[in-house]
N, C-alpha and C. Protein backbone atom coordinates (compact mmCIF):
# COMPACT_ATOMS: atom_id res chain seq x y z
N MET A 1 -1.30 20.43 -20.35
CA MET A 1 0.03 19.82 -19.56
C MET A 1 0.80 20.92 -19.93
N SER A 2 0.59 20.52 -17.94
CA SER A 2 2.22 21.46 -17.20
C SER A 2 3.32 21.39 -18.23
N GLU A 3 4.18 21.62 -17.62
CA GLU A 3 5.25 21.75 -17.83
C GLU A 3 6.58 21.33 -16.79
N GLU A 4 5.77 21.45 -15.92
CA GLU A 4 6.13 21.51 -14.95
C GLU A 4 7.01 20.33 -14.43
N ALA A 5 7.86 20.21 -12.97
CA ALA A 5 9.02 19.15 -13.30
C ALA A 5 8.40 18.62 -11.35
N HIS A 6 8.53 17.36 -11.05
CA HIS A 6 8.09 16.51 -9.93
C HIS A 6 8.43 16.15 -9.26
N ARG A 7 9.05 16.58 -7.99
CA ARG A 7 9.90 16.02 -7.68
C ARG A 7 9.21 14.15 -7.52
N ILE A 8 9.93 13.08 -6.86
CA ILE A 8 10.06 11.55 -7.09
C ILE A 8 10.38 11.58 -6.04
N ASP A 9 11.67 11.66 -5.44
CA ASP A 9 12.57 11.48 -4.35
C ASP A 9 13.81 12.53 -4.31
N ALA A 10 14.29 12.59 -3.57
CA ALA A 10 15.61 13.55 -2.76
C ALA A 10 15.92 13.70 -4.24
N GLU A 11 16.52 13.07 -5.15
CA GLU A 11 17.49 13.63 -6.19
C GLU A 11 16.64 13.42 -7.13
N VAL A 12 15.32 12.62 -7.69
CA VAL A 12 14.93 11.97 -9.22
C VAL A 12 13.22 12.70 -8.64
N ARG A 13 13.39 13.48 -10.26
CA ARG A 13 12.20 14.42 -10.76
C ARG A 13 11.64 13.42 -11.87
N LEU A 14 10.40 13.78 -12.48
CA LEU A 14 9.62 13.43 -13.47
C LEU A 14 9.16 14.64 -14.11
N ARG A 15 9.69 15.01 -15.67
CA ARG A 15 9.02 15.84 -16.33
C ARG A 15 8.98 16.28 -17.67
N PRO A 16 7.89 16.75 -18.09
CA PRO A 16 8.16 16.73 -19.47
C PRO A 16 9.42 16.27 -20.32
N ALA A 17 9.02 15.38 -21.71
CA ALA A 17 10.54 14.91 -22.37
C ALA A 17 10.90 16.17 -23.40
N ALA A 18 11.85 16.43 -23.81
CA ALA A 18 12.50 17.51 -24.83
C ALA A 18 13.58 16.85 -25.35
N LEU A 19 14.07 17.30 -27.12
CA LEU A 19 14.76 17.10 -27.66
C LEU A 19 15.99 16.93 -26.43
N GLY A 20 16.09 17.99 -26.00
CA GLY A 20 17.71 17.53 -25.32
C GLY A 20 17.93 16.58 -24.46
N ASP A 21 16.59 15.68 -24.16
CA ASP A 21 16.99 14.51 -23.50
C ASP A 21 17.41 13.14 -24.82
N ALA A 22 17.83 13.11 -25.69
CA ALA A 22 18.44 12.36 -26.43
C ALA A 22 19.65 12.00 -26.17
N GLY A 23 20.61 12.66 -25.87
CA GLY A 23 22.52 12.14 -25.50
C GLY A 23 22.10 11.20 -24.37
N PRO A 24 21.87 11.83 -23.39
CA PRO A 24 21.05 11.20 -21.41
C PRO A 24 20.78 10.16 -22.02
N LEU A 25 19.36 9.97 -22.83
CA LEU A 25 18.99 8.95 -23.01
C LEU A 25 19.63 7.56 -23.96
N ALA A 26 20.06 7.82 -24.84
CA ALA A 26 20.96 6.94 -25.44
C ALA A 26 21.76 6.31 -24.70
N GLU A 27 22.23 6.87 -23.56
CA GLU A 27 23.64 6.77 -23.02
C GLU A 27 22.62 5.24 -21.43
N SER A 28 21.50 5.99 -21.66
CA SER A 28 21.21 4.97 -20.31
C SER A 28 20.18 3.97 -21.15
N LEU A 29 20.26 3.96 -22.89
CA LEU A 29 19.82 2.88 -22.99
C LEU A 29 20.31 1.74 -22.92
N SER A 30 21.51 2.26 -23.35
CA SER A 30 22.56 0.98 -23.99
C SER A 30 23.11 0.84 -22.55
N ARG A 31 23.26 1.26 -21.15
CA ARG A 31 23.90 0.60 -20.08
C ARG A 31 22.93 -0.19 -19.74
N SER A 32 21.90 -0.01 -19.33
CA SER A 32 20.41 -0.94 -19.28
C SER A 32 20.02 -2.07 -20.40
N ARG A 33 20.39 -1.65 -21.67
CA ARG A 33 20.01 -2.86 -22.44
C ARG A 33 20.41 -4.38 -22.55
N THR A 34 21.47 -4.93 -21.89
CA THR A 34 20.82 -6.12 -21.23
C THR A 34 20.37 -6.21 -20.10
N TYR A 35 19.66 -5.32 -19.52
CA TYR A 35 18.59 -5.87 -18.51
C TYR A 35 17.35 -5.81 -18.87
N MET A 36 16.92 -4.85 -20.16
CA MET A 36 16.04 -4.80 -20.27
C MET A 36 15.14 -5.76 -21.56
N ARG A 37 16.12 -6.15 -22.15
CA ARG A 37 15.96 -7.01 -23.45
C ARG A 37 15.24 -8.04 -23.22
N PRO A 38 14.92 -8.96 -22.26
CA PRO A 38 13.35 -9.40 -22.27
C PRO A 38 12.44 -8.96 -22.09
N TRP A 39 12.19 -7.44 -21.88
CA TRP A 39 10.22 -6.65 -22.02
C TRP A 39 10.48 -5.44 -23.23
N GLU A 40 11.48 -5.71 -23.45
CA GLU A 40 12.15 -5.06 -25.16
C GLU A 40 11.56 -5.75 -26.51
N PRO A 41 11.18 -4.39 -27.37
CA PRO A 41 11.60 -5.43 -29.18
C PRO A 41 13.60 -5.07 -28.85
N VAL A 42 13.46 -5.91 -30.45
CA VAL A 42 14.65 -6.78 -30.31
C VAL A 42 14.26 -4.63 -30.93
N ARG A 43 15.67 -3.85 -31.09
CA ARG A 43 16.24 -3.12 -31.32
C ARG A 43 16.86 -2.79 -32.43
N PRO A 44 17.21 -2.31 -32.82
CA PRO A 44 18.97 -1.74 -34.55
C PRO A 44 19.78 -1.30 -33.59
N ASP A 45 20.96 -0.47 -33.67
CA ASP A 45 21.72 -0.46 -32.77
C ASP A 45 21.85 0.91 -33.35
N ALA A 46 21.30 1.69 -34.02
CA ALA A 46 20.77 2.83 -33.99
C ALA A 46 19.65 3.50 -33.33
N PHE A 47 18.95 2.71 -32.61
CA PHE A 47 18.17 3.28 -31.72
C PHE A 47 18.99 3.82 -29.73
N TYR A 48 20.38 2.50 -29.89
CA TYR A 48 20.88 3.24 -29.05
C TYR A 48 22.21 4.52 -29.21
N THR A 49 21.86 5.37 -29.97
CA THR A 49 22.64 6.39 -30.48
C THR A 49 21.73 7.93 -30.06
N GLU A 50 22.59 8.42 -29.47
CA GLU A 50 21.83 10.36 -29.80
C GLU A 50 20.96 10.44 -30.66
N GLN A 51 21.22 9.99 -32.14
CA GLN A 51 20.30 10.31 -33.28
C GLN A 51 19.11 9.11 -33.32
N GLY A 52 19.66 8.33 -33.11
CA GLY A 52 18.21 7.42 -32.67
C GLY A 52 17.19 8.38 -31.83
N GLN A 53 17.92 8.34 -31.08
CA GLN A 53 17.28 8.95 -29.51
C GLN A 53 16.44 10.12 -30.23
N ARG A 54 16.89 11.58 -30.65
CA ARG A 54 16.78 12.32 -30.94
C ARG A 54 15.20 12.26 -32.46
N GLU A 55 15.30 11.03 -33.06
CA GLU A 55 14.81 11.11 -34.11
C GLU A 55 13.36 9.99 -33.14
N ARG A 56 13.24 9.98 -32.04
CA ARG A 56 12.62 9.13 -30.96
C ARG A 56 11.78 10.15 -30.36
N LEU A 57 12.15 10.79 -30.07
CA LEU A 57 11.65 12.14 -29.32
C LEU A 57 10.99 12.89 -30.10
N ALA A 58 11.70 13.17 -31.70
CA ALA A 58 10.54 13.57 -32.31
C ALA A 58 9.00 14.02 -32.54
N VAL A 59 9.19 12.14 -32.46
CA VAL A 59 7.61 11.45 -32.73
C VAL A 59 6.80 11.52 -31.63
N ALA A 60 7.52 11.81 -30.64
CA ALA A 60 6.78 11.63 -28.84
C ALA A 60 6.41 13.08 -28.72
N LEU A 61 7.44 14.50 -29.34
CA LEU A 61 6.73 15.13 -29.11
C LEU A 61 6.07 15.87 -30.17
N ALA A 62 6.02 15.82 -31.33
CA ALA A 62 4.63 15.72 -32.57
C ALA A 62 3.53 15.48 -32.30
N ASP A 63 3.29 14.12 -31.58
CA ASP A 63 2.40 13.12 -31.03
C ASP A 63 2.02 13.53 -29.65
N ARG A 64 2.76 14.61 -28.84
CA ARG A 64 2.51 15.51 -27.82
C ARG A 64 1.25 16.30 -28.05
N ASP A 65 2.25 17.18 -28.59
CA ASP A 65 1.56 18.40 -29.57
C ASP A 65 0.85 18.10 -30.58
N ALA A 66 -0.14 17.19 -30.53
CA ALA A 66 -1.01 16.52 -31.17
C ALA A 66 -2.45 15.79 -30.57
N GLY A 67 -1.59 16.14 -28.85
CA GLY A 67 -2.64 15.43 -28.12
C GLY A 67 -3.13 14.33 -28.15
N ARG A 68 -2.09 13.16 -28.53
CA ARG A 68 -2.33 12.08 -29.00
C ARG A 68 -0.97 11.22 -27.86
N ALA A 69 -0.52 12.00 -27.13
CA ALA A 69 0.44 11.04 -26.57
C ALA A 69 1.02 12.73 -24.99
N MET A 70 1.38 12.39 -24.25
CA MET A 70 2.61 12.62 -23.31
C MET A 70 3.49 11.53 -22.62
N PRO A 71 4.62 12.29 -23.52
CA PRO A 71 6.32 11.16 -23.19
C PRO A 71 6.68 12.42 -21.74
N TRP A 72 7.02 11.27 -20.72
CA TRP A 72 7.43 12.40 -19.60
C TRP A 72 9.08 12.01 -20.01
N VAL A 73 10.54 12.18 -18.87
CA VAL A 73 11.68 11.49 -18.45
C VAL A 73 11.54 11.72 -16.75
N LEU A 74 12.36 10.45 -16.73
CA LEU A 74 12.77 10.74 -15.18
C LEU A 74 14.70 11.22 -15.45
N CYS A 75 14.30 11.57 -14.18
CA CYS A 75 15.64 12.71 -14.70
C CYS A 75 15.87 12.36 -12.92
N ASP A 76 17.88 12.05 -13.12
CA ASP A 76 18.55 12.50 -11.49
C ASP A 76 18.90 13.26 -11.12
N ALA A 77 19.66 13.94 -10.21
CA ALA A 77 20.06 14.92 -10.16
C ALA A 77 20.65 16.43 -10.71
N GLN A 78 21.52 15.52 -11.78
CA GLN A 78 21.96 16.77 -12.87
C GLN A 78 20.53 16.24 -13.35
N ASP A 79 19.84 16.17 -13.89
CA ASP A 79 18.83 16.65 -14.83
C ASP A 79 18.82 15.76 -15.98
N ARG A 80 19.76 14.77 -15.47
CA ARG A 80 20.10 13.72 -16.78
C ARG A 80 19.02 12.61 -16.69
N ALA A 81 18.28 12.25 -17.97
CA ALA A 81 17.67 11.84 -18.16
C ALA A 81 17.60 10.21 -18.01
N ILE A 82 16.92 9.36 -16.95
CA ILE A 82 17.20 7.75 -16.47
C ILE A 82 16.22 7.36 -16.51
N GLY A 83 15.49 7.55 -17.37
CA GLY A 83 14.15 6.52 -18.11
C GLY A 83 13.40 6.94 -18.74
N THR A 84 11.91 6.93 -18.98
CA THR A 84 10.84 7.84 -19.56
C THR A 84 9.48 6.63 -19.05
N PHE A 85 8.54 7.94 -19.06
CA PHE A 85 7.07 7.37 -19.05
C PHE A 85 6.13 7.87 -19.88
N THR A 86 5.22 7.05 -20.36
CA THR A 86 4.52 7.73 -21.59
C THR A 86 3.52 7.25 -21.77
N LEU A 87 1.93 8.21 -21.65
CA LEU A 87 1.84 8.41 -22.08
C LEU A 87 1.13 8.14 -24.16
N ASN A 88 0.64 7.00 -24.25
CA ASN A 88 0.49 6.69 -25.98
C ASN A 88 -1.33 6.49 -26.47
N GLY A 89 -1.13 6.83 -27.15
CA GLY A 89 -3.04 6.63 -27.99
C GLY A 89 -3.84 7.52 -27.03
N VAL A 90 -4.00 8.10 -26.97
CA VAL A 90 -4.51 9.18 -26.17
C VAL A 90 -5.44 9.42 -26.70
N VAL A 91 -6.99 8.92 -26.46
CA VAL A 91 -7.85 8.95 -26.97
C VAL A 91 -9.06 9.60 -25.85
N LEU A 92 -9.41 11.42 -26.73
CA LEU A 92 -10.42 11.71 -25.41
C LEU A 92 -12.09 11.78 -26.10
N GLY A 93 -13.04 12.08 -26.38
CA GLY A 93 -13.85 11.67 -26.69
C GLY A 93 -14.75 10.90 -25.36
N PRO A 94 -16.05 10.58 -25.18
CA PRO A 94 -16.62 9.38 -24.30
C PRO A 94 -15.18 8.35 -24.05
N PHE A 95 -14.61 8.06 -24.49
CA PHE A 95 -13.65 7.31 -24.61
C PHE A 95 -12.79 8.00 -23.29
N ARG A 96 -11.89 8.81 -23.19
CA ARG A 96 -10.69 9.05 -22.39
C ARG A 96 -9.84 8.63 -21.76
N SER A 97 -9.03 7.58 -22.67
CA SER A 97 -8.18 6.77 -22.20
C SER A 97 -6.67 6.27 -22.46
N ALA A 98 -5.97 5.93 -22.32
CA ALA A 98 -4.97 6.12 -22.59
C ALA A 98 -3.72 5.04 -22.54
N ALA A 99 -2.96 4.44 -23.06
CA ALA A 99 -1.77 3.27 -22.83
C ALA A 99 -0.76 3.96 -21.59
N LEU A 100 -0.71 3.21 -21.22
CA LEU A 100 1.01 3.97 -20.50
C LEU A 100 2.32 2.34 -20.48
N GLY A 101 3.08 3.18 -20.92
CA GLY A 101 4.86 2.40 -21.25
C GLY A 101 5.56 2.78 -20.25
N TYR A 102 6.62 2.58 -19.88
CA TYR A 102 7.52 3.24 -18.77
C TYR A 102 8.54 2.23 -19.05
N TRP A 103 10.05 2.53 -18.39
CA TRP A 103 11.02 2.03 -17.91
C TRP A 103 12.24 2.66 -17.58
N VAL A 104 12.87 1.95 -16.12
CA VAL A 104 13.97 2.81 -15.69
C VAL A 104 15.09 2.81 -16.12
N ASP A 105 15.86 2.68 -15.60
CA ASP A 105 17.52 2.69 -15.86
C ASP A 105 18.48 1.65 -15.20
N VAL A 106 18.88 0.79 -15.24
CA VAL A 106 19.26 -0.76 -14.58
C VAL A 106 20.10 0.51 -13.03
N ASP A 107 20.79 1.12 -13.45
CA ASP A 107 21.18 1.62 -12.53
C ASP A 107 20.49 2.67 -10.69
N PHE A 108 19.02 2.96 -11.06
CA PHE A 108 18.26 2.87 -10.50
C PHE A 108 16.37 2.67 -10.50
N ALA A 109 16.94 1.18 -10.56
CA ALA A 109 15.84 -0.16 -10.30
C ALA A 109 16.15 -0.36 -9.41
N GLY A 110 14.43 -1.17 -9.00
CA GLY A 110 14.53 -1.33 -7.54
C GLY A 110 14.58 -0.30 -6.55
N ARG A 111 14.00 0.78 -6.47
CA ARG A 111 14.06 1.87 -5.61
C ARG A 111 12.81 2.83 -5.85
N GLY A 112 11.99 2.07 -6.31
CA GLY A 112 10.36 2.30 -5.76
C GLY A 112 9.74 3.42 -6.80
N LEU A 113 11.08 4.02 -8.01
CA LEU A 113 10.93 4.88 -8.63
C LEU A 113 10.09 5.01 -9.84
N ALA A 114 9.60 3.37 -10.17
CA ALA A 114 8.11 3.75 -11.12
C ALA A 114 7.79 3.45 -10.85
N THR A 115 7.43 3.21 -9.03
CA THR A 115 5.87 3.24 -8.77
C THR A 115 5.81 4.58 -8.50
N ALA A 116 6.92 5.25 -8.00
CA ALA A 116 6.56 6.95 -7.53
C ALA A 116 5.49 7.36 -8.18
N ALA A 117 5.90 7.28 -9.89
CA ALA A 117 5.69 7.84 -11.22
C ALA A 117 4.76 8.39 -11.75
N VAL A 118 4.60 6.18 -11.60
CA VAL A 118 3.52 5.86 -12.20
C VAL A 118 1.97 6.59 -11.21
N ARG A 119 2.40 6.65 -10.20
CA ARG A 119 1.36 6.90 -9.26
C ARG A 119 0.89 8.65 -9.57
N LEU A 120 2.13 9.51 -9.54
CA LEU A 120 2.39 10.65 -10.20
C LEU A 120 1.18 11.66 -11.57
N ILE A 121 1.81 9.59 -12.76
CA ILE A 121 1.14 10.87 -14.49
C ILE A 121 -0.21 9.52 -13.60
N CYS A 122 -0.68 9.17 -13.07
CA CYS A 122 -2.17 8.70 -13.02
C CYS A 122 -2.95 9.74 -12.39
N GLU A 123 -2.29 10.58 -11.03
CA GLU A 123 -3.42 11.87 -10.94
C GLU A 123 -3.08 13.18 -12.09
N LEU A 124 -1.83 13.29 -12.96
CA LEU A 124 -1.72 13.90 -13.53
C LEU A 124 -2.65 14.02 -15.13
N ALA A 125 -2.85 12.30 -15.25
CA ALA A 125 -3.93 11.86 -16.34
C ALA A 125 -4.93 11.96 -15.42
N ARG A 126 -6.19 11.87 -14.54
CA ARG A 126 -7.05 12.68 -14.30
C ARG A 126 -6.96 13.61 -14.33
N ASP A 127 -5.94 14.36 -13.37
CA ASP A 127 -6.37 15.94 -13.40
C ASP A 127 -5.92 16.75 -14.23
N GLU A 128 -5.10 16.96 -15.34
CA GLU A 128 -4.53 17.84 -16.27
C GLU A 128 -4.87 17.35 -17.87
N LEU A 129 -5.52 15.86 -17.97
CA LEU A 129 -5.24 15.91 -19.02
C LEU A 129 -6.88 14.86 -19.34
N ARG A 130 -7.49 15.40 -17.87
CA ARG A 130 -8.85 14.61 -17.83
C ARG A 130 -8.59 12.89 -18.24
N LEU A 131 -8.61 12.51 -18.28
CA LEU A 131 -9.08 11.38 -18.87
C LEU A 131 -9.26 10.29 -17.41
N HIS A 132 -10.42 9.21 -17.89
CA HIS A 132 -11.10 8.08 -17.59
C HIS A 132 -9.98 7.00 -16.76
N ARG A 133 -9.12 6.69 -17.90
CA ARG A 133 -8.32 5.20 -17.25
C ARG A 133 -7.57 5.27 -18.26
N ILE A 134 -6.60 4.83 -17.28
CA ILE A 134 -5.03 4.33 -17.93
C ILE A 134 -5.13 2.54 -18.29
N GLU A 135 -4.63 2.16 -19.05
CA GLU A 135 -4.20 0.55 -19.39
C GLU A 135 -2.73 0.72 -19.29
N ALA A 136 -2.70 -1.05 -19.09
CA ALA A 136 -1.25 -1.28 -19.36
C ALA A 136 -0.85 -2.43 -19.68
N ALA A 137 0.50 -2.66 -20.19
CA ALA A 137 0.38 -4.27 -20.46
C ALA A 137 1.71 -5.31 -20.20
N THR A 138 1.89 -6.30 -19.60
CA THR A 138 3.56 -7.20 -19.27
C THR A 138 3.49 -8.24 -19.72
N LEU A 139 4.59 -8.54 -19.92
CA LEU A 139 4.59 -9.86 -19.95
C LEU A 139 3.99 -10.26 -18.59
N PRO A 140 3.90 -11.49 -18.96
CA PRO A 140 2.86 -12.87 -17.34
C PRO A 140 4.62 -13.31 -16.74
N TYR A 141 5.62 -12.97 -16.99
CA TYR A 141 6.15 -12.99 -15.89
C TYR A 141 7.03 -12.21 -15.85
N ASN A 142 7.33 -10.49 -16.05
CA ASN A 142 7.36 -9.16 -15.74
C ASN A 142 6.56 -8.70 -14.31
N GLU A 143 6.59 -9.79 -13.15
CA GLU A 143 6.36 -9.88 -12.05
C GLU A 143 6.92 -8.26 -11.13
N ALA A 144 7.50 -7.22 -11.44
CA ALA A 144 8.55 -6.08 -10.88
C ALA A 144 7.72 -5.54 -11.86
N SER A 145 6.81 -5.27 -12.67
CA SER A 145 5.88 -4.32 -13.20
C SER A 145 4.60 -5.16 -12.51
N GLN A 146 4.27 -5.36 -13.11
CA GLN A 146 3.04 -6.22 -12.51
C GLN A 146 2.79 -5.41 -10.75
N ARG A 147 3.66 -5.55 -10.05
CA ARG A 147 3.26 -5.09 -8.51
C ARG A 147 3.87 -3.49 -8.50
N VAL A 148 4.19 -3.00 -10.21
CA VAL A 148 4.33 -1.55 -9.62
C VAL A 148 2.41 -0.99 -10.32
N LEU A 149 2.43 -2.15 -11.08
CA LEU A 149 0.86 -1.60 -11.27
C LEU A 149 -0.46 -1.77 -10.11
N ALA A 150 0.66 -2.94 -9.70
CA ALA A 150 -0.87 -3.04 -8.63
C ALA A 150 -0.86 -2.43 -7.79
N ASN A 151 0.31 -1.77 -7.12
CA ASN A 151 0.27 -0.89 -6.39
C ASN A 151 0.18 0.35 -6.88
N CYS A 152 -0.07 0.50 -7.90
CA CYS A 152 -0.69 1.99 -7.88
C CYS A 152 -2.31 1.89 -8.25
N GLY A 153 -3.03 0.65 -8.25
CA GLY A 153 -4.09 0.45 -7.74
C GLY A 153 -4.52 0.09 -9.28
N PHE A 154 -3.84 -0.67 -10.28
CA PHE A 154 -4.32 -1.05 -11.77
C PHE A 154 -4.80 -2.69 -10.98
N GLU A 155 -5.62 -3.02 -12.51
CA GLU A 155 -6.12 -4.32 -11.51
C GLU A 155 -6.47 -5.16 -13.54
N GLN A 156 -6.09 -5.96 -13.24
CA GLN A 156 -5.79 -7.59 -14.22
C GLN A 156 -7.08 -7.35 -15.15
N ILE A 157 -7.19 -6.67 -16.44
CA ILE A 157 -8.80 -7.11 -17.20
C ILE A 157 -8.41 -8.00 -18.00
N GLY A 158 -7.51 -9.03 -18.35
CA GLY A 158 -7.43 -9.94 -19.53
C GLY A 158 -6.19 -10.24 -19.58
N LEU A 159 -6.03 -11.26 -20.69
CA LEU A 159 -4.66 -11.98 -20.73
C LEU A 159 -4.88 -11.63 -22.67
N ALA A 160 -3.67 -11.48 -23.44
CA ALA A 160 -4.35 -10.72 -25.00
C ALA A 160 -2.55 -11.62 -25.26
N PRO A 161 -3.30 -13.10 -25.91
CA PRO A 161 -1.99 -14.12 -27.06
C PRO A 161 -1.85 -13.26 -28.01
N GLY A 162 -0.39 -13.65 -28.11
CA GLY A 162 1.15 -13.24 -29.11
C GLY A 162 0.29 -11.13 -29.24
N TYR A 163 0.43 -10.15 -28.19
CA TYR A 163 0.02 -9.03 -28.30
C TYR A 163 1.24 -8.05 -28.69
N LEU A 164 2.37 -8.85 -28.34
CA LEU A 164 3.69 -7.50 -28.82
C LEU A 164 5.00 -8.95 -28.57
N HIS A 165 5.64 -7.87 -30.09
CA HIS A 165 7.17 -9.15 -30.23
C HIS A 165 8.03 -8.83 -29.61
N ILE A 166 8.18 -9.31 -28.82
CA ILE A 166 9.25 -8.97 -27.45
C ILE A 166 10.49 -9.78 -27.59
N ASP A 167 11.60 -9.50 -27.38
CA ASP A 167 12.77 -10.29 -27.29
C ASP A 167 13.31 -11.23 -28.46
N GLY A 168 12.11 -10.87 -29.95
CA GLY A 168 12.23 -11.65 -30.97
C GLY A 168 11.41 -12.75 -30.64
N GLU A 169 10.20 -12.54 -30.36
CA GLU A 169 9.27 -13.48 -30.22
C GLU A 169 7.66 -12.61 -30.36
N TRP A 170 6.66 -13.60 -30.69
CA TRP A 170 5.01 -12.05 -30.14
C TRP A 170 4.90 -13.33 -29.15
N ARG A 171 4.00 -12.47 -28.00
CA ARG A 171 4.59 -13.09 -26.86
C ARG A 171 3.17 -12.13 -26.28
N ASP A 172 3.00 -13.04 -25.47
CA ASP A 172 1.84 -12.97 -24.33
C ASP A 172 1.01 -11.57 -23.55
N HIS A 173 0.88 -11.44 -23.45
CA HIS A 173 0.49 -9.91 -22.51
C HIS A 173 -0.06 -10.07 -21.26
N ARG A 174 -0.24 -9.62 -19.69
CA ARG A 174 -1.54 -9.48 -19.14
C ARG A 174 -1.82 -8.22 -18.93
N LEU A 175 -3.61 -7.87 -19.44
CA LEU A 175 -4.00 -6.83 -19.46
C LEU A 175 -4.56 -5.96 -17.88
N PHE A 176 -3.87 -4.94 -17.88
CA PHE A 176 -4.39 -3.58 -16.34
C PHE A 176 -4.89 -2.42 -17.01
N GLN A 177 -5.74 -3.08 -16.25
CA GLN A 177 -6.43 -0.97 -16.14
C GLN A 177 -6.58 -0.12 -14.79
N ARG A 178 -6.58 1.14 -14.87
CA ARG A 178 -7.14 1.69 -13.60
C ARG A 178 -7.36 2.87 -13.31
N VAL A 179 -8.94 2.64 -13.70
CA VAL A 179 -10.08 3.75 -13.35
C VAL A 179 -9.58 4.81 -12.45
N LEU A 180 -9.67 6.30 -13.25
CA LEU A 180 -9.65 7.48 -12.62
C LEU A 180 -10.27 7.92 -11.87
N HIS A 181 -11.65 7.68 -12.48
CA HIS A 181 -12.61 8.71 -11.61
C HIS A 181 -13.53 7.96 -12.64
N ASP A 182 -14.66 8.56 -11.88
CA ASP A 182 -16.15 7.09 -12.29
C ASP A 182 -17.30 8.70 -12.67
N GLY A 183 -16.62 10.63 -12.29
CA GLY A 183 -16.93 11.35 -12.73
C GLY A 183 -18.41 11.70 -14.14
N PRO A 184 -18.04 12.45 -14.08
CA PRO A 184 -18.62 13.93 -15.25
C PRO A 184 -17.98 14.27 -15.89
N VAL A 185 -17.68 14.18 -17.16
CA VAL A 185 -16.26 14.87 -18.29
C VAL A 185 -16.36 16.05 -18.40
N THR A 186 -14.77 16.23 -17.18
CA THR A 186 -15.26 18.09 -16.77
C THR A 186 -13.74 18.99 -17.64
N GLY A 187 -13.82 19.94 -18.06
CA GLY A 187 -12.17 20.25 -18.06
C GLY A 187 -12.06 20.64 -19.61
N ALA A 188 -12.63 19.57 -20.26
CA ALA A 188 -12.40 19.21 -21.66
C ALA A 188 -13.08 20.23 -22.05
N PRO A 189 -11.60 20.77 -23.47
CA PRO A 189 -12.05 21.47 -24.40
C PRO A 189 -12.76 21.07 -25.30
N ALA A 190 -14.17 22.12 -26.09
CA ALA A 190 -15.31 22.03 -26.23
C ALA A 190 -15.07 21.28 -27.98
N GLY A 191 -15.80 19.62 -27.97
CA GLY A 191 -16.27 18.32 -28.99
C GLY A 191 -14.65 17.44 -28.44
N ALA A 192 -13.86 17.94 -27.81
CA ALA A 192 -13.32 16.86 -27.08
C ALA A 192 -13.72 15.36 -26.47
């Protein structure tokens, strides 16, 4: 996967995550904690520290190196991380699929950044990771995230009861997918 940074708007870029993003992510998550509470699992206070984010990033980067995930950060004009977008559970072979998760700092929400980043990630997943599809899940009442997915070509494919433990309870989620292409598997490493 390219290490290139991609411009999302005049001030914001999307680039691969790095361990050095831990401090800015901790700040952004702390600032956004109340805003994101309805959409997130209950997290220990340590999650919102630089060390907590360093540990989380180390796992994400190990998963990237093993081909199981691709983590990106959304960065402001000073290259400070203000959100994350991650393709998790990357499966190759005949499935060639991954699950998308993302969040954007409260101070940058509502500017169309998530939509632009998801569109770009779909292109990168198709052209660089050679994936066939991406799936995503939202809480039924998370209309903003559903608009992002709809604007990026995702279609609802089902409802999963008690899908994730969010804000202290097991909650239903709407399931979405986007098929990236219907062509043959090309450019894949041998045996992938």
